[in-house]
Amino acid sequence: MPFAQINLIEGRTEAQKRAVIEKVTQALVEAVGAPIEAVRVQIIEVPSTNWGIAGVSAKDRGR
């Protein structure tokens, strides 16, 4: 059973997260031949204060 864990800075819409789930699922079906029913996708949303980019929080970088 393929399991994809996606980490994103919080703030995406439900529609955007649905699209991520759909496209990642389809990519795994195509890439490894897994049945769609076996694919699992988990989105973890991280506050921008907890996400660092080049030594600075994403929030401080304006994200």
N, C-alpha and C. Protein backbone atom coordinates (compact mmCIF):
# COMPACT_ATOMS: atom_id res chain seq x y z
N MET A 1 0.84 -1.17 0.00
CA MET A 1 0.00 0.00 0.00
C MET A 1 0.90 1.24 0.00
N PRO A 2 0.94 2.00 -1.08
CA PRO A 2 1.72 3.24 -1.10
C PRO A 2 1.11 4.29 -0.16
N PHE A 3 1.98 4.96 0.59
CA PHE A 3 1.56 6.02 1.51
C PHE A 3 2.43 7.24 1.23
N ALA A 4 1.79 8.35 0.85
CA ALA A 4 2.51 9.59 0.60
C ALA A 4 2.18 10.59 1.70
N GLN A 5 3.21 11.17 2.26
CA GLN A 5 3.03 12.20 3.29
C GLN A 5 3.53 13.51 2.71
N ILE A 6 2.65 14.51 2.66
CA ILE A 6 2.96 15.81 2.05
C ILE A 6 2.95 16.87 3.16
N ASN A 7 4.05 17.59 3.28
CA ASN A 7 4.13 18.69 4.25
C ASN A 7 3.98 20.01 3.50
N LEU A 8 3.05 20.83 3.97
CA LEU A 8 2.80 22.13 3.35
C LEU A 8 2.72 23.21 4.43
N ILE A 9 3.14 24.40 4.08
CA ILE A 9 2.87 25.54 4.96
C ILE A 9 1.37 25.76 4.93
N GLU A 10 0.78 25.95 6.11
CA GLU A 10 -0.68 26.10 6.18
C GLU A 10 -1.16 27.29 5.36
N GLY A 11 -2.44 27.20 4.96
CA GLY A 11 -3.03 28.31 4.22
C GLY A 11 -3.63 27.90 2.89
N ARG A 12 -3.46 26.65 2.48
CA ARG A 12 -4.07 26.21 1.21
C ARG A 12 -5.56 26.02 1.40
N THR A 13 -6.30 26.18 0.34
CA THR A 13 -7.75 25.98 0.40
C THR A 13 -8.07 24.49 0.37
N GLU A 14 -9.29 24.15 0.74
CA GLU A 14 -9.72 22.75 0.65
C GLU A 14 -9.63 22.25 -0.79
N ALA A 15 -9.98 23.11 -1.74
CA ALA A 15 -9.91 22.72 -3.15
C ALA A 15 -8.47 22.40 -3.55
N GLN A 16 -7.51 23.18 -3.10
CA GLN A 16 -6.10 22.93 -3.42
C GLN A 16 -5.63 21.62 -2.80
N LYS A 17 -6.05 21.35 -1.56
CA LYS A 17 -5.66 20.10 -0.91
C LYS A 17 -6.31 18.90 -1.58
N ARG A 18 -7.55 19.04 -2.02
CA ARG A 18 -8.20 17.97 -2.78
C ARG A 18 -7.41 17.67 -4.06
N ALA A 19 -6.97 18.73 -4.73
CA ALA A 19 -6.21 18.56 -5.96
C ALA A 19 -4.88 17.85 -5.69
N VAL A 20 -4.20 18.19 -4.61
CA VAL A 20 -2.96 17.52 -4.25
C VAL A 20 -3.22 16.03 -4.03
N ILE A 21 -4.24 15.72 -3.26
CA ILE A 21 -4.57 14.32 -2.97
C ILE A 21 -4.86 13.56 -4.27
N GLU A 22 -5.65 14.17 -5.14
CA GLU A 22 -6.02 13.52 -6.40
C GLU A 22 -4.79 13.28 -7.28
N LYS A 23 -3.95 14.30 -7.43
CA LYS A 23 -2.81 14.20 -8.34
C LYS A 23 -1.70 13.28 -7.80
N VAL A 24 -1.47 13.33 -6.50
CA VAL A 24 -0.47 12.45 -5.91
C VAL A 24 -0.95 11.00 -6.01
N THR A 25 -2.22 10.77 -5.75
CA THR A 25 -2.78 9.43 -5.89
C THR A 25 -2.59 8.92 -7.31
N GLN A 26 -2.96 9.72 -8.28
CA GLN A 26 -2.84 9.31 -9.67
C GLN A 26 -1.38 9.05 -10.06
N ALA A 27 -0.47 9.87 -9.55
CA ALA A 27 0.95 9.67 -9.85
C ALA A 27 1.44 8.34 -9.31
N LEU A 28 1.01 7.97 -8.11
CA LEU A 28 1.42 6.69 -7.53
C LEU A 28 0.81 5.51 -8.28
N VAL A 29 -0.43 5.66 -8.70
CA VAL A 29 -1.08 4.61 -9.50
C VAL A 29 -0.28 4.38 -10.78
N GLU A 30 0.07 5.46 -11.45
CA GLU A 30 0.79 5.36 -12.72
C GLU A 30 2.24 4.90 -12.53
N ALA A 31 2.91 5.39 -11.51
CA ALA A 31 4.34 5.13 -11.33
C ALA A 31 4.63 3.71 -10.83
N VAL A 32 3.80 3.22 -9.91
CA VAL A 32 4.11 1.92 -9.31
C VAL A 32 3.05 0.86 -9.57
N GLY A 33 2.01 1.24 -10.29
CA GLY A 33 0.97 0.27 -10.64
C GLY A 33 0.10 -0.15 -9.48
N ALA A 34 0.05 0.65 -8.44
CA ALA A 34 -0.78 0.33 -7.28
C ALA A 34 -2.25 0.54 -7.62
N PRO A 35 -3.12 -0.31 -7.10
CA PRO A 35 -4.54 -0.04 -7.29
C PRO A 35 -4.92 1.24 -6.53
N ILE A 36 -5.77 2.04 -7.14
CA ILE A 36 -6.13 3.33 -6.54
C ILE A 36 -6.67 3.17 -5.12
N GLU A 37 -7.36 2.06 -4.87
CA GLU A 37 -7.95 1.82 -3.54
C GLU A 37 -6.89 1.62 -2.46
N ALA A 38 -5.67 1.31 -2.87
CA ALA A 38 -4.60 1.04 -1.91
C ALA A 38 -3.78 2.27 -1.57
N VAL A 39 -3.94 3.35 -2.31
CA VAL A 39 -3.11 4.55 -2.14
C VAL A 39 -3.65 5.41 -0.99
N ARG A 40 -2.75 5.85 -0.14
CA ARG A 40 -3.09 6.75 0.96
C ARG A 40 -2.24 8.01 0.84
N VAL A 41 -2.87 9.17 1.08
CA VAL A 41 -2.16 10.45 1.05
C VAL A 41 -2.51 11.21 2.32
N GLN A 42 -1.49 11.67 3.00
CA GLN A 42 -1.69 12.47 4.21
C GLN A 42 -1.06 13.83 3.99
N ILE A 43 -1.83 14.89 4.26
CA ILE A 43 -1.30 16.25 4.19
C ILE A 43 -1.10 16.75 5.61
N ILE A 44 0.11 17.21 5.88
CA ILE A 44 0.42 17.79 7.18
C ILE A 44 0.66 19.28 6.96
N GLU A 45 -0.15 20.09 7.64
CA GLU A 45 0.00 21.54 7.50
C GLU A 45 0.82 22.08 8.67
N VAL A 46 1.84 22.84 8.32
CA VAL A 46 2.77 23.37 9.29
C VAL A 46 2.62 24.89 9.35
N PRO A 47 2.52 25.47 10.55
CA PRO A 47 2.47 26.92 10.64
C PRO A 47 3.74 27.53 10.05
N SER A 48 3.61 28.68 9.43
CA SER A 48 4.76 29.31 8.77
C SER A 48 5.86 29.67 9.76
N THR A 49 5.51 29.81 11.05
CA THR A 49 6.52 30.09 12.07
C THR A 49 7.36 28.85 12.38
N ASN A 50 6.86 27.68 12.00
CA ASN A 50 7.57 26.42 12.26
C ASN A 50 8.27 25.86 11.03
N TRP A 51 8.37 26.64 9.98
CA TRP A 51 8.98 26.19 8.71
C TRP A 51 10.14 27.11 8.41
N GLY A 52 11.33 26.55 8.35
CA GLY A 52 12.52 27.37 8.10
C GLY A 52 13.00 27.27 6.68
N ILE A 53 13.42 28.38 6.13
CA ILE A 53 14.00 28.45 4.79
C ILE A 53 15.28 29.28 4.90
N ALA A 54 16.40 28.65 4.63
CA ALA A 54 17.70 29.34 4.66
C ALA A 54 17.93 30.06 5.99
N GLY A 55 17.55 29.40 7.08
CA GLY A 55 17.82 29.94 8.40
C GLY A 55 16.81 30.96 8.91
N VAL A 56 15.73 31.17 8.18
CA VAL A 56 14.72 32.16 8.56
C VAL A 56 13.35 31.48 8.47
N SER A 57 12.44 31.82 9.38
CA SER A 57 11.11 31.22 9.31
C SER A 57 10.39 31.70 8.05
N ALA A 58 9.53 30.85 7.56
CA ALA A 58 8.74 31.21 6.37
C ALA A 58 7.91 32.45 6.64
N LYS A 59 7.41 32.59 7.86
CA LYS A 59 6.62 33.78 8.19
C LYS A 59 7.46 35.04 8.05
N ASP A 60 8.69 34.99 8.57
CA ASP A 60 9.58 36.15 8.46
C ASP A 60 9.99 36.43 7.02
N ARG A 61 9.90 35.43 6.15
CA ARG A 61 10.20 35.61 4.74
C ARG A 61 8.98 36.05 3.96
N GLY A 62 7.86 36.25 4.65
CA GLY A 62 6.64 36.73 3.98
C GLY A 62 5.79 35.65 3.37
N ARG A 63 5.97 34.42 3.82
CA ARG A 63 5.18 33.32 3.27
C ARG A 63 4.08 32.91 4.19
